[in-house]
Amino acid sequence: MSAAATALAGPLPAVLAKIDDEDSKKLPGPAAGMGPGPVKLELTVNGAKMTTNIEPRVTLLDALRNYLDVTGCKRVCDRGTCGACTVMLNGKPVYSCTTLALEARGKDIKTAEALNADGRLDQVPAAFAKFDAQQCGFCTPGFVVAMRAAFDQNPKASPADIEKALGGNICRCGTYEQMRQAIASLCGNIHGGANGRATKET
């Protein structure tokens, strides 16, 4: 038996062994050599409790997009290098393509959809729209989430601080100059005491 087959045939890791509820027991067992079967998972996404059944190996990105229909985060590189899939976990920006969905249990998940709540657009995406800081749009959700997290962590951040915080995000269309204009505007507005929300959309 190969090393991989031996590993699959062995006992589950401790973190997975703890997941043992009645719903999971009702699901079909794992196929031979395919790994653990689906388990029940509850996530808090943009303030709402969402429940699904997924295999433990499913990433947070796949869980959000394919199981919970939260499609703001985008799959682009799928290797943790471009930032298009960025979400916030307890206020910290993370790549959802390299985070297991199980790791997000009990944490507050915020995606780009959270930046347009109650008909009021957050200042960050509003500035992106104002300064045309997007083109194809695939990188934009990751940028605005990472930028919102940076301002939440340091409302007095300088443009240089924000650019440093965005070091893990890439725009293939090259809209960096427009982003710099948006960042300069945001630094001025947020330093001036704005509450992080733009006016209600009409």
N, C-alpha and C. Protein backbone atom coordinates (compact mmCIF):
# COMPACT_ATOMS: atom_id res chain seq x y z
N MET A 1 0.85 -1.19 0.00
CA MET A 1 0.00 0.00 0.00
C MET A 1 0.89 1.24 0.00
N SER A 2 0.55 2.23 -0.83
CA SER A 2 1.36 3.44 -0.92
C SER A 2 1.21 4.27 0.34
N ALA A 3 2.14 5.24 0.50
CA ALA A 3 2.09 6.11 1.68
C ALA A 3 0.80 6.92 1.70
N ALA A 4 0.38 7.39 0.50
CA ALA A 4 -0.84 8.19 0.43
C ALA A 4 -2.06 7.36 0.81
N ALA A 5 -2.11 6.12 0.31
CA ALA A 5 -3.24 5.25 0.64
C ALA A 5 -3.24 4.91 2.12
N THR A 6 -2.06 4.73 2.69
CA THR A 6 -1.97 4.44 4.12
C THR A 6 -2.49 5.61 4.94
N ALA A 7 -2.14 6.82 4.52
CA ALA A 7 -2.59 8.02 5.23
C ALA A 7 -4.11 8.14 5.17
N LEU A 8 -4.69 7.87 3.99
CA LEU A 8 -6.14 7.97 3.85
C LEU A 8 -6.85 6.92 4.68
N ALA A 9 -6.24 5.77 4.82
CA ALA A 9 -6.88 4.69 5.56
C ALA A 9 -6.76 4.85 7.06
N GLY A 10 -5.88 5.74 7.53
CA GLY A 10 -5.65 5.91 8.95
C GLY A 10 -6.75 6.70 9.62
N PRO A 11 -6.65 6.88 10.93
CA PRO A 11 -7.67 7.64 11.68
C PRO A 11 -7.66 9.11 11.30
N LEU A 12 -8.81 9.79 11.49
CA LEU A 12 -8.90 11.20 11.18
C LEU A 12 -8.06 12.01 12.15
N PRO A 13 -7.52 13.16 11.69
CA PRO A 13 -6.84 14.06 12.62
C PRO A 13 -7.78 14.47 13.74
N ALA A 14 -7.22 14.89 14.88
CA ALA A 14 -8.03 15.22 16.05
C ALA A 14 -9.06 16.29 15.76
N VAL A 15 -8.68 17.32 14.94
CA VAL A 15 -9.61 18.41 14.66
C VAL A 15 -10.83 17.92 13.90
N LEU A 16 -10.63 16.91 13.03
CA LEU A 16 -11.76 16.39 12.26
C LEU A 16 -12.55 15.38 13.07
N ALA A 17 -11.88 14.66 13.97
CA ALA A 17 -12.55 13.65 14.76
C ALA A 17 -13.59 14.26 15.69
N LYS A 18 -13.40 15.55 16.03
CA LYS A 18 -14.34 16.21 16.92
C LYS A 18 -15.66 16.53 16.22
N ILE A 19 -15.65 16.56 14.90
CA ILE A 19 -16.85 16.90 14.16
C ILE A 19 -17.69 15.63 14.03
N ASP A 20 -18.64 15.48 14.89
CA ASP A 20 -19.40 14.23 14.93
C ASP A 20 -20.80 14.54 15.42
N ASP A 21 -21.68 15.03 14.53
CA ASP A 21 -23.04 15.34 14.95
C ASP A 21 -24.02 14.45 14.21
N GLU A 22 -25.27 14.53 14.59
CA GLU A 22 -26.29 13.64 14.04
C GLU A 22 -26.46 13.83 12.53
N ASP A 23 -26.42 15.10 12.06
CA ASP A 23 -26.57 15.35 10.63
C ASP A 23 -25.46 14.69 9.83
N SER A 24 -24.23 14.76 10.35
CA SER A 24 -23.11 14.17 9.63
C SER A 24 -23.26 12.65 9.52
N LYS A 25 -23.81 12.03 10.58
CA LYS A 25 -23.96 10.58 10.57
C LYS A 25 -24.97 10.11 9.52
N LYS A 26 -25.89 11.01 9.13
CA LYS A 26 -26.91 10.64 8.16
C LYS A 26 -26.40 10.73 6.72
N LEU A 27 -25.26 11.40 6.53
CA LEU A 27 -24.72 11.60 5.19
C LEU A 27 -24.01 10.33 4.72
N PRO A 28 -23.90 10.16 3.40
CA PRO A 28 -23.18 8.98 2.89
C PRO A 28 -21.74 8.97 3.37
N GLY A 29 -21.20 7.79 3.57
CA GLY A 29 -19.82 7.66 3.99
C GLY A 29 -18.87 8.02 2.87
N PRO A 30 -17.58 8.22 3.18
CA PRO A 30 -16.61 8.60 2.15
C PRO A 30 -16.35 7.45 1.19
N ALA A 31 -16.09 7.82 -0.06
CA ALA A 31 -15.70 6.80 -1.04
C ALA A 31 -14.29 6.32 -0.72
N ALA A 32 -13.99 5.08 -1.06
CA ALA A 32 -12.68 4.52 -0.77
C ALA A 32 -11.58 5.36 -1.40
N GLY A 33 -10.62 5.77 -0.60
CA GLY A 33 -9.48 6.53 -1.11
C GLY A 33 -9.77 7.98 -1.44
N MET A 34 -10.95 8.49 -1.06
CA MET A 34 -11.31 9.86 -1.41
C MET A 34 -11.25 10.81 -0.23
N GLY A 35 -11.05 10.32 0.97
CA GLY A 35 -10.96 11.19 2.12
C GLY A 35 -12.26 11.26 2.90
N PRO A 36 -12.30 12.09 3.94
CA PRO A 36 -13.47 12.16 4.81
C PRO A 36 -14.71 12.63 4.05
N GLY A 37 -15.87 12.17 4.49
CA GLY A 37 -17.13 12.58 3.88
C GLY A 37 -17.57 13.95 4.36
N PRO A 38 -18.70 14.45 3.84
CA PRO A 38 -19.19 15.78 4.24
C PRO A 38 -19.55 15.84 5.72
N VAL A 39 -19.39 17.01 6.29
CA VAL A 39 -19.77 17.29 7.68
C VAL A 39 -20.60 18.56 7.70
N LYS A 40 -21.39 18.70 8.74
CA LYS A 40 -22.20 19.91 8.89
C LYS A 40 -21.30 21.07 9.30
N LEU A 41 -21.53 22.23 8.68
CA LEU A 41 -20.71 23.41 8.97
C LEU A 41 -21.59 24.64 9.04
N GLU A 42 -21.45 25.40 10.12
CA GLU A 42 -22.16 26.68 10.26
C GLU A 42 -21.14 27.80 10.24
N LEU A 43 -21.36 28.77 9.38
CA LEU A 43 -20.48 29.93 9.28
C LEU A 43 -21.29 31.21 9.47
N THR A 44 -20.65 32.23 10.00
CA THR A 44 -21.27 33.55 10.12
C THR A 44 -20.69 34.43 9.03
N VAL A 45 -21.51 34.69 8.01
CA VAL A 45 -21.06 35.44 6.84
C VAL A 45 -21.83 36.74 6.73
N ASN A 46 -21.11 37.84 6.81
CA ASN A 46 -21.72 39.17 6.72
C ASN A 46 -22.88 39.32 7.70
N GLY A 47 -22.68 38.78 8.91
CA GLY A 47 -23.67 38.92 9.97
C GLY A 47 -24.77 37.88 9.98
N ALA A 48 -24.82 37.01 8.97
CA ALA A 48 -25.88 35.99 8.87
C ALA A 48 -25.31 34.61 9.13
N LYS A 49 -26.06 33.79 9.86
CA LYS A 49 -25.67 32.40 10.09
C LYS A 49 -26.04 31.57 8.87
N MET A 50 -25.08 30.83 8.33
CA MET A 50 -25.31 30.00 7.17
C MET A 50 -24.82 28.59 7.46
N THR A 51 -25.60 27.60 7.06
CA THR A 51 -25.26 26.21 7.34
C THR A 51 -25.24 25.40 6.05
N THR A 52 -24.26 24.53 5.94
CA THR A 52 -24.15 23.65 4.77
C THR A 52 -23.44 22.37 5.19
N ASN A 53 -23.37 21.42 4.29
CA ASN A 53 -22.60 20.18 4.50
C ASN A 53 -21.49 20.14 3.47
N ILE A 54 -20.25 20.07 3.92
CA ILE A 54 -19.11 20.08 3.01
C ILE A 54 -18.05 19.09 3.48
N GLU A 55 -17.19 18.68 2.56
CA GLU A 55 -16.05 17.87 2.94
C GLU A 55 -15.04 18.74 3.68
N PRO A 56 -14.33 18.19 4.66
CA PRO A 56 -13.37 18.98 5.44
C PRO A 56 -12.27 19.61 4.60
N ARG A 57 -12.01 19.09 3.41
CA ARG A 57 -10.93 19.64 2.58
C ARG A 57 -11.35 20.87 1.78
N VAL A 58 -12.63 21.26 1.83
CA VAL A 58 -13.14 22.38 1.03
C VAL A 58 -12.60 23.70 1.58
N THR A 59 -12.11 24.55 0.69
CA THR A 59 -11.60 25.86 1.11
C THR A 59 -12.75 26.81 1.43
N LEU A 60 -12.42 27.86 2.15
CA LEU A 60 -13.42 28.88 2.46
C LEU A 60 -13.94 29.52 1.17
N LEU A 61 -13.07 29.73 0.20
CA LEU A 61 -13.49 30.31 -1.08
C LEU A 61 -14.55 29.44 -1.74
N ASP A 62 -14.30 28.13 -1.81
CA ASP A 62 -15.27 27.23 -2.44
C ASP A 62 -16.55 27.14 -1.63
N ALA A 63 -16.43 27.13 -0.31
CA ALA A 63 -17.62 27.07 0.53
C ALA A 63 -18.50 28.29 0.30
N LEU A 64 -17.89 29.46 0.25
CA LEU A 64 -18.66 30.69 0.05
C LEU A 64 -19.31 30.72 -1.33
N ARG A 65 -18.51 30.46 -2.36
CA ARG A 65 -19.01 30.60 -3.73
C ARG A 65 -19.93 29.45 -4.15
N ASN A 66 -19.53 28.22 -3.87
CA ASN A 66 -20.22 27.05 -4.43
C ASN A 66 -21.29 26.45 -3.53
N TYR A 67 -21.19 26.71 -2.23
CA TYR A 67 -22.16 26.12 -1.30
C TYR A 67 -23.11 27.16 -0.70
N LEU A 68 -22.63 28.39 -0.51
CA LEU A 68 -23.43 29.41 0.16
C LEU A 68 -23.85 30.56 -0.75
N ASP A 69 -23.43 30.52 -2.01
CA ASP A 69 -23.80 31.53 -3.01
C ASP A 69 -23.39 32.95 -2.60
N VAL A 70 -22.24 33.06 -1.96
CA VAL A 70 -21.65 34.37 -1.64
C VAL A 70 -20.48 34.54 -2.61
N THR A 71 -20.71 35.27 -3.68
CA THR A 71 -19.77 35.24 -4.81
C THR A 71 -18.89 36.49 -4.92
N GLY A 72 -18.87 37.34 -3.91
CA GLY A 72 -18.04 38.54 -3.98
C GLY A 72 -16.57 38.21 -4.12
N CYS A 73 -16.09 37.27 -3.32
CA CYS A 73 -14.68 36.87 -3.44
C CYS A 73 -14.49 36.07 -4.72
N LYS A 74 -13.41 36.33 -5.44
CA LYS A 74 -13.21 35.75 -6.76
C LYS A 74 -12.08 34.73 -6.77
N ARG A 75 -12.25 33.70 -7.59
CA ARG A 75 -11.17 32.74 -7.83
C ARG A 75 -10.39 33.22 -9.05
N VAL A 76 -9.13 33.55 -8.84
CA VAL A 76 -8.28 33.99 -9.95
C VAL A 76 -7.03 33.10 -10.00
N CYS A 77 -6.08 33.31 -9.09
CA CYS A 77 -4.87 32.47 -9.12
C CYS A 77 -5.09 31.13 -8.42
N ASP A 78 -5.94 31.12 -7.40
CA ASP A 78 -6.19 29.92 -6.59
C ASP A 78 -4.91 29.39 -5.94
N ARG A 79 -3.94 30.27 -5.73
CA ARG A 79 -2.66 29.88 -5.15
C ARG A 79 -2.21 30.81 -4.02
N GLY A 80 -3.08 31.68 -3.58
CA GLY A 80 -2.72 32.59 -2.50
C GLY A 80 -1.70 33.64 -2.88
N THR A 81 -1.76 34.13 -4.12
CA THR A 81 -0.76 35.12 -4.55
C THR A 81 -1.36 36.41 -5.12
N CYS A 82 -2.66 36.42 -5.47
CA CYS A 82 -3.20 37.60 -6.16
C CYS A 82 -4.13 38.45 -5.30
N GLY A 83 -4.76 37.87 -4.29
CA GLY A 83 -5.60 38.64 -3.39
C GLY A 83 -7.04 38.81 -3.82
N ALA A 84 -7.44 38.29 -4.98
CA ALA A 84 -8.82 38.49 -5.45
C ALA A 84 -9.85 37.82 -4.56
N CYS A 85 -9.42 36.83 -3.79
CA CYS A 85 -10.35 36.08 -2.93
C CYS A 85 -10.34 36.58 -1.50
N THR A 86 -9.74 37.73 -1.23
CA THR A 86 -9.58 38.22 0.13
C THR A 86 -10.91 38.43 0.83
N VAL A 87 -11.00 37.91 2.05
CA VAL A 87 -12.13 38.18 2.94
C VAL A 87 -11.56 38.57 4.30
N MET A 88 -12.41 39.06 5.18
CA MET A 88 -11.97 39.35 6.54
C MET A 88 -12.44 38.26 7.49
N LEU A 89 -11.54 37.76 8.32
CA LEU A 89 -11.86 36.84 9.41
C LEU A 89 -11.57 37.57 10.71
N ASN A 90 -12.64 37.89 11.44
CA ASN A 90 -12.49 38.67 12.67
C ASN A 90 -11.69 39.95 12.41
N GLY A 91 -11.97 40.57 11.28
CA GLY A 91 -11.34 41.84 10.95
C GLY A 91 -9.99 41.75 10.28
N LYS A 92 -9.45 40.55 10.16
CA LYS A 92 -8.13 40.38 9.55
C LYS A 92 -8.29 39.88 8.11
N PRO A 93 -7.63 40.53 7.14
CA PRO A 93 -7.74 40.07 5.75
C PRO A 93 -6.98 38.76 5.55
N VAL A 94 -7.63 37.79 4.90
CA VAL A 94 -7.00 36.50 4.61
C VAL A 94 -7.37 36.07 3.20
N TYR A 95 -6.52 35.24 2.61
CA TYR A 95 -6.85 34.62 1.33
C TYR A 95 -7.82 33.47 1.59
N SER A 96 -9.01 33.53 1.05
CA SER A 96 -9.97 32.46 1.29
C SER A 96 -9.65 31.21 0.47
N CYS A 97 -8.80 31.33 -0.54
CA CYS A 97 -8.44 30.16 -1.35
C CYS A 97 -7.44 29.26 -0.64
N THR A 98 -6.79 29.77 0.41
CA THR A 98 -5.81 28.96 1.15
C THR A 98 -6.24 28.76 2.61
N THR A 99 -7.51 29.06 2.89
CA THR A 99 -8.07 28.87 4.22
C THR A 99 -9.16 27.81 4.14
N LEU A 100 -9.09 26.80 4.97
CA LEU A 100 -10.15 25.80 4.98
C LEU A 100 -11.41 26.42 5.58
N ALA A 101 -12.56 26.01 5.04
CA ALA A 101 -13.82 26.51 5.57
C ALA A 101 -13.96 26.17 7.05
N LEU A 102 -13.47 24.99 7.45
CA LEU A 102 -13.56 24.58 8.85
C LEU A 102 -12.81 25.54 9.78
N GLU A 103 -11.76 26.18 9.26
CA GLU A 103 -10.98 27.11 10.08
C GLU A 103 -11.77 28.37 10.41
N ALA A 104 -12.83 28.63 9.65
CA ALA A 104 -13.61 29.85 9.84
C ALA A 104 -14.78 29.67 10.79
N ARG A 105 -14.96 28.46 11.31
CA ARG A 105 -16.05 28.23 12.26
C ARG A 105 -15.87 29.12 13.48
N GLY A 106 -16.98 29.75 13.92
CA GLY A 106 -16.94 30.59 15.11
C GLY A 106 -16.32 31.95 14.90
N LYS A 107 -15.95 32.27 13.66
CA LYS A 107 -15.34 33.56 13.37
C LYS A 107 -16.30 34.41 12.52
N ASP A 108 -16.09 35.71 12.57
CA ASP A 108 -16.91 36.64 11.80
C ASP A 108 -16.29 36.81 10.41
N ILE A 109 -17.01 36.37 9.39
CA ILE A 109 -16.51 36.44 8.01
C ILE A 109 -17.17 37.63 7.32
N LYS A 110 -16.38 38.49 6.72
CA LYS A 110 -16.92 39.60 5.94
C LYS A 110 -16.35 39.55 4.54
N THR A 111 -17.23 39.65 3.56
CA THR A 111 -16.83 39.67 2.16
C THR A 111 -17.15 41.05 1.57
N ALA A 112 -16.90 41.20 0.29
CA ALA A 112 -17.18 42.49 -0.36
C ALA A 112 -18.65 42.88 -0.23
N GLU A 113 -19.54 41.89 -0.15
CA GLU A 113 -20.97 42.20 -0.02
C GLU A 113 -21.28 43.01 1.24
N ALA A 114 -20.45 42.85 2.27
CA ALA A 114 -20.66 43.57 3.53
C ALA A 114 -20.41 45.07 3.38
N LEU A 115 -19.77 45.46 2.29
CA LEU A 115 -19.45 46.88 2.09
C LEU A 115 -20.57 47.64 1.38
N ASN A 116 -21.72 47.02 1.26
CA ASN A 116 -22.90 47.70 0.71
C ASN A 116 -24.12 47.23 1.51
N ALA A 117 -24.14 47.62 2.78
CA ALA A 117 -25.19 47.17 3.68
C ALA A 117 -26.25 48.25 3.84
N ASP A 118 -27.50 47.81 3.87
CA ASP A 118 -28.63 48.72 4.10
C ASP A 118 -28.69 49.86 3.08
N GLY A 119 -28.26 49.57 1.86
CA GLY A 119 -28.33 50.59 0.81
C GLY A 119 -27.31 51.69 0.93
N ARG A 120 -26.35 51.53 1.81
CA ARG A 120 -25.32 52.56 2.00
C ARG A 120 -23.96 51.96 1.62
N LEU A 121 -23.37 52.53 0.60
CA LEU A 121 -22.11 52.02 0.08
C LEU A 121 -20.95 52.51 0.95
N ASP A 122 -20.10 51.60 1.36
CA ASP A 122 -18.92 51.95 2.14
C ASP A 122 -18.05 52.92 1.35
N GLN A 123 -17.31 53.74 2.08
CA GLN A 123 -16.44 54.74 1.44
C GLN A 123 -15.41 54.12 0.50
N VAL A 124 -14.91 52.95 0.84
CA VAL A 124 -13.84 52.36 0.03
C VAL A 124 -14.32 52.01 -1.37
N PRO A 125 -15.35 51.17 -1.55
CA PRO A 125 -15.81 50.92 -2.92
C PRO A 125 -16.37 52.17 -3.59
N ALA A 126 -16.91 53.10 -2.80
CA ALA A 126 -17.41 54.35 -3.40
C ALA A 126 -16.26 55.14 -4.03
N ALA A 127 -15.11 55.15 -3.34
CA ALA A 127 -13.94 55.85 -3.88
C ALA A 127 -13.41 55.14 -5.12
N PHE A 128 -13.44 53.80 -5.12
CA PHE A 128 -13.02 53.06 -6.31
C PHE A 128 -13.88 53.44 -7.51
N ALA A 129 -15.19 53.54 -7.29
CA ALA A 129 -16.09 53.91 -8.39
C ALA A 129 -15.84 55.35 -8.83
N LYS A 130 -15.67 56.25 -7.87
CA LYS A 130 -15.47 57.67 -8.20
C LYS A 130 -14.23 57.90 -9.04
N PHE A 131 -13.14 57.20 -8.71
CA PHE A 131 -11.88 57.42 -9.41
C PHE A 131 -11.60 56.36 -10.47
N ASP A 132 -12.62 55.57 -10.80
CA ASP A 132 -12.51 54.55 -11.87
C ASP A 132 -11.33 53.62 -11.61
N ALA A 133 -11.24 53.15 -10.35
CA ALA A 133 -10.10 52.33 -9.95
C ALA A 133 -10.36 50.84 -10.17
N GLN A 134 -11.10 50.53 -11.19
CA GLN A 134 -11.34 49.13 -11.55
C GLN A 134 -11.49 49.04 -13.06
N GLN A 135 -11.23 47.87 -13.61
CA GLN A 135 -11.41 47.68 -15.04
C GLN A 135 -12.18 46.38 -15.27
N CYS A 136 -11.50 45.24 -15.28
CA CYS A 136 -12.25 43.99 -15.47
C CYS A 136 -13.05 43.64 -14.22
N GLY A 137 -12.61 44.09 -13.03
CA GLY A 137 -13.36 43.92 -11.81
C GLY A 137 -13.05 42.68 -11.00
N PHE A 138 -12.26 41.76 -11.54
CA PHE A 138 -11.99 40.53 -10.80
C PHE A 138 -11.19 40.78 -9.53
N CYS A 139 -10.26 41.73 -9.56
CA CYS A 139 -9.44 41.99 -8.39
C CYS A 139 -10.11 42.92 -7.40
N THR A 140 -11.12 43.67 -7.86
CA THR A 140 -11.70 44.74 -7.06
C THR A 140 -12.24 44.30 -5.71
N PRO A 141 -13.02 43.20 -5.62
CA PRO A 141 -13.53 42.79 -4.29
C PRO A 141 -12.41 42.56 -3.29
N GLY A 142 -11.33 41.93 -3.72
CA GLY A 142 -10.21 41.68 -2.82
C GLY A 142 -9.55 42.97 -2.38
N PHE A 143 -9.38 43.90 -3.31
CA PHE A 143 -8.77 45.18 -2.97
C PHE A 143 -9.61 45.95 -1.96
N VAL A 144 -10.92 46.06 -2.20
CA VAL A 144 -11.74 46.88 -1.30
C VAL A 144 -11.85 46.24 0.08
N VAL A 145 -11.89 44.91 0.15
CA VAL A 145 -11.94 44.24 1.45
C VAL A 145 -10.63 44.47 2.21
N ALA A 146 -9.50 44.27 1.53
CA ALA A 146 -8.19 44.47 2.17
C ALA A 146 -8.01 45.93 2.60
N MET A 147 -8.48 46.86 1.77
CA MET A 147 -8.34 48.27 2.10
C MET A 147 -9.25 48.65 3.27
N ARG A 148 -10.47 48.12 3.29
CA ARG A 148 -11.38 48.39 4.41
C ARG A 148 -10.78 47.88 5.71
N ALA A 149 -10.19 46.68 5.66
CA ALA A 149 -9.55 46.11 6.85
C ALA A 149 -8.39 46.99 7.32
N ALA A 150 -7.63 47.51 6.37
CA ALA A 150 -6.48 48.36 6.73
C ALA A 150 -6.95 49.64 7.42
N PHE A 151 -8.01 50.26 6.92
CA PHE A 151 -8.53 51.47 7.56
C PHE A 151 -9.17 51.16 8.91
N ASP A 152 -9.82 49.99 9.02
CA ASP A 152 -10.40 49.61 10.31
C ASP A 152 -9.31 49.44 11.36
N GLN A 153 -8.17 48.87 10.95
CA GLN A 153 -7.07 48.64 11.88
C GLN A 153 -6.31 49.92 12.20
N ASN A 154 -6.30 50.88 11.25
CA ASN A 154 -5.57 52.13 11.47
C ASN A 154 -6.27 53.26 10.72
N PRO A 155 -7.30 53.87 11.34
CA PRO A 155 -8.03 54.96 10.67
C PRO A 155 -7.14 56.14 10.29
N LYS A 156 -5.98 56.28 10.92
CA LYS A 156 -5.07 57.38 10.61
C LYS A 156 -3.98 56.97 9.63
N ALA A 157 -4.19 55.87 8.93
CA ALA A 157 -3.17 55.37 7.99
C ALA A 157 -2.89 56.39 6.90
N SER A 158 -1.63 56.46 6.52
CA SER A 158 -1.22 57.32 5.41
C SER A 158 -1.39 56.55 4.10
N PRO A 159 -1.36 57.24 2.95
CA PRO A 159 -1.40 56.51 1.68
C PRO A 159 -0.33 55.43 1.58
N ALA A 160 0.86 55.72 2.11
CA ALA A 160 1.94 54.72 2.07
C ALA A 160 1.58 53.50 2.93
N ASP A 161 0.93 53.74 4.07
CA ASP A 161 0.51 52.63 4.93
C ASP A 161 -0.51 51.74 4.20
N ILE A 162 -1.43 52.37 3.51
CA ILE A 162 -2.48 51.61 2.81
C ILE A 162 -1.87 50.83 1.65
N GLU A 163 -0.96 51.46 0.91
CA GLU A 163 -0.32 50.73 -0.20
C GLU A 163 0.45 49.53 0.33
N LYS A 164 1.09 49.68 1.47
CA LYS A 164 1.81 48.54 2.07
C LYS A 164 0.84 47.43 2.45
N ALA A 165 -0.32 47.80 2.98
CA ALA A 165 -1.33 46.81 3.38
C ALA A 165 -1.89 46.07 2.18
N LEU A 166 -1.83 46.68 1.01
CA LEU A 166 -2.35 46.06 -0.21
C LEU A 166 -1.27 45.29 -0.98
N GLY A 167 -0.14 45.06 -0.35
CA GLY A 167 0.97 44.39 -1.03
C GLY A 167 0.65 42.99 -1.51
N GLY A 168 -0.35 42.36 -0.92
CA GLY A 168 -0.72 41.01 -1.34
C GLY A 168 -1.80 40.95 -2.40
N ASN A 169 -2.15 42.11 -2.97
CA ASN A 169 -3.19 42.17 -4.00
C ASN A 169 -2.59 42.64 -5.32
N ILE A 170 -3.04 42.02 -6.40
CA ILE A 170 -2.52 42.33 -7.73
C ILE A 170 -3.66 42.74 -8.66
N CYS A 171 -3.44 43.78 -9.45
CA CYS A 171 -4.39 44.19 -10.49
C CYS A 171 -3.74 43.93 -11.84
N ARG A 172 -4.26 42.97 -12.56
CA ARG A 172 -3.68 42.63 -13.86
C ARG A 172 -3.96 43.71 -14.92
N CYS A 173 -4.99 44.51 -14.68
CA CYS A 173 -5.32 45.57 -15.64
C CYS A 173 -4.47 46.82 -15.43
N GLY A 174 -3.78 46.90 -14.29
CA GLY A 174 -2.87 48.03 -14.05
C GLY A 174 -3.56 49.33 -13.67
N THR A 175 -4.61 49.26 -12.84
CA THR A 175 -5.32 50.48 -12.44
C THR A 175 -4.72 51.09 -11.16
N TYR A 176 -3.45 50.91 -10.96
CA TYR A 176 -2.84 51.35 -9.71
C TYR A 176 -2.87 52.87 -9.53
N GLU A 177 -2.74 53.63 -10.61
CA GLU A 177 -2.75 55.09 -10.46
C GLU A 177 -4.11 55.57 -9.99
N GLN A 178 -5.18 54.99 -10.54
CA GLN A 178 -6.52 55.36 -10.08
C GLN A 178 -6.73 54.93 -8.64
N MET A 179 -6.16 53.78 -8.27
CA MET A 179 -6.25 53.34 -6.87
C MET A 179 -5.55 54.32 -5.95
N ARG A 180 -4.40 54.82 -6.39
CA ARG A 180 -3.68 55.80 -5.56
C ARG A 180 -4.52 57.07 -5.36
N GLN A 181 -5.25 57.46 -6.38
CA GLN A 181 -6.13 58.63 -6.24
C GLN A 181 -7.24 58.33 -5.25
N ALA A 182 -7.80 57.12 -5.33
CA ALA A 182 -8.86 56.72 -4.39
C ALA A 182 -8.31 56.67 -2.96
N ILE A 183 -7.11 56.14 -2.80
CA ILE A 183 -6.49 56.04 -1.48
C ILE A 183 -6.26 57.43 -0.90
N ALA A 184 -5.74 58.35 -1.70
CA ALA A 184 -5.49 59.71 -1.23
C ALA A 184 -6.78 60.37 -0.76
N SER A 185 -7.84 60.15 -1.53
CA SER A 185 -9.14 60.71 -1.15
C SER A 185 -9.65 60.10 0.14
N LEU A 186 -9.51 58.79 0.27
CA LEU A 186 -9.99 58.09 1.47
C LEU A 186 -9.22 58.53 2.71
N CYS A 187 -7.90 58.66 2.58
CA CYS A 187 -7.11 59.08 3.73
C CYS A 187 -7.57 60.45 4.21
N GLY A 188 -7.84 61.36 3.28
CA GLY A 188 -8.32 62.69 3.65
C GLY A 188 -9.69 62.65 4.30
N ASN A 189 -10.61 61.87 3.74
CA ASN A 189 -11.98 61.82 4.26
C ASN A 189 -12.04 61.14 5.62
N ILE A 190 -11.34 60.00 5.74
CA ILE A 190 -11.40 59.26 7.00
C ILE A 190 -10.68 60.02 8.10
N HIS A 191 -9.57 60.69 7.76
CA HIS A 191 -8.88 61.51 8.76
C HIS A 191 -9.77 62.66 9.20
N GLY A 192 -10.63 63.10 8.27
CA GLY A 192 -11.52 64.23 8.58
C GLY A 192 -12.71 63.85 9.43
N GLY A 193 -12.84 62.57 9.77
CA GLY A 193 -13.89 62.16 10.69
C GLY A 193 -15.08 61.50 10.05
N ALA A 194 -15.01 61.14 8.77
CA ALA A 194 -16.14 60.45 8.14
C ALA A 194 -16.34 59.10 8.81
N ASN A 195 -17.57 58.59 8.77
CA ASN A 195 -17.89 57.38 9.51
C ASN A 195 -17.74 56.10 8.71
N GLY A 196 -17.11 56.18 7.56
CA GLY A 196 -16.85 54.96 6.80
C GLY A 196 -17.94 54.60 5.82
N ARG A 197 -19.01 55.40 5.74
CA ARG A 197 -20.08 55.12 4.81
C ARG A 197 -20.33 56.33 3.92
N ALA A 198 -20.59 56.07 2.66
CA ALA A 198 -20.94 57.14 1.75
C ALA A 198 -22.44 57.40 1.87
N THR A 199 -22.95 58.32 1.07
CA THR A 199 -24.37 58.61 1.13
C THR A 199 -25.19 57.48 0.53
N LYS A 200 -26.47 57.41 0.87
CA LYS A 200 -27.34 56.34 0.39
C LYS A 200 -27.45 56.41 -1.12
N GLU A 201 -27.36 55.25 -1.76
CA GLU A 201 -27.44 55.19 -3.21
C GLU A 201 -28.87 55.47 -3.65
N THR A 202 -28.99 56.13 -4.79
CA THR A 202 -30.33 56.39 -5.34
C THR A 202 -30.45 55.75 -6.69
